[in-house]
Amino acid sequence: MKTNKSFAKRLRVTKKGKVIARAPGHNHFNAKRSGKEHQHKNRTTNMVFTNVNRSRFLAN
């Protein structure tokens, strides 16, 4: 099965094997958001994959 390269570029694997991605909703329409909301969006999110999906979205 081929790796989904466009999605794989948005992920990062940590030393312990966790998969981390940027939280959605960062790109536009942020001017009216509060500072607290901006900070909260800045955090990364952990992606939970099954073994099948892990091999599909991440290169070996």
Protein backbone atom coordinates (compact mmCIF):
# COMPACT_ATOMS: atom_id res chain seq x y z
CA MET A 1 0.00 0.00 0.00
CA LYS A 2 1.29 3.47 -0.87
CA THR A 3 1.97 6.06 1.82
CA ASN A 4 -0.24 9.15 1.72
CA LYS A 5 2.61 11.65 1.32
CA SER A 6 0.56 14.85 1.62
CA PHE A 7 -0.79 13.80 5.02
CA ALA A 8 2.49 12.24 6.17
CA LYS A 9 4.24 15.62 5.76
CA ARG A 10 1.91 17.11 8.40
CA LEU A 11 2.82 14.53 11.03
CA ARG A 12 5.83 14.16 13.29
CA VAL A 13 6.85 11.03 15.19
CA THR A 14 8.40 11.57 18.61
CA LYS A 15 11.25 9.61 20.13
CA LYS A 16 8.81 7.38 22.01
CA GLY A 17 6.69 6.74 18.91
CA LYS A 18 3.81 9.15 19.47
CA VAL A 19 2.41 10.80 16.36
CA ILE A 20 1.93 14.55 16.71
CA ALA A 21 0.10 16.93 14.37
CA ARG A 22 -0.83 20.57 14.36
CA ALA A 23 -4.37 21.24 15.58
CA PRO A 24 -6.84 22.36 12.88
CA GLY A 25 -8.21 25.88 12.58
CA HIS A 26 -5.00 27.96 12.47
CA ASN A 27 -4.87 29.45 9.01
CA HIS A 28 -7.40 32.27 8.74
CA PHE A 29 -10.28 34.07 10.48
CA ASN A 30 -8.18 34.46 13.62
CA ALA A 31 -8.25 38.26 14.05
CA LYS A 32 -11.37 38.28 16.19
CA ARG A 33 -10.27 35.39 18.40
CA SER A 34 -9.10 36.12 21.93
CA GLY A 35 -5.48 35.69 23.02
CA LYS A 36 -6.48 32.75 25.17
CA GLU A 37 -8.01 31.02 22.15
CA HIS A 38 -4.86 31.67 20.08
CA GLN A 39 -2.68 30.10 22.75
CA HIS A 40 -4.96 27.10 23.06
CA LYS A 41 -4.86 26.52 19.29
CA ASN A 42 -1.06 26.68 19.31
CA ARG A 43 -0.79 23.35 21.08
CA THR A 44 -0.24 20.20 19.09
CA THR A 45 -2.57 17.21 19.19
CA ASN A 46 -1.75 13.54 19.52
CA MET A 47 -3.00 11.40 16.67
CA VAL A 48 -4.15 7.90 17.56
CA PHE A 49 -3.73 5.35 14.78
CA THR A 50 -4.46 1.67 14.44
CA ASN A 51 -1.58 -0.39 13.08
CA VAL A 52 -3.16 -0.52 9.63
CA ASN A 53 -3.55 3.24 9.42
CA ARG A 54 -0.10 3.87 10.89
CA SER A 55 1.51 1.96 8.03
CA ARG A 56 -0.74 3.72 5.53
CA PHE A 57 0.05 7.27 6.61
CA LEU A 58 3.65 6.92 7.78
CA ALA A 59 6.64 5.76 5.80
CA ASN A 60 8.38 2.66 7.14
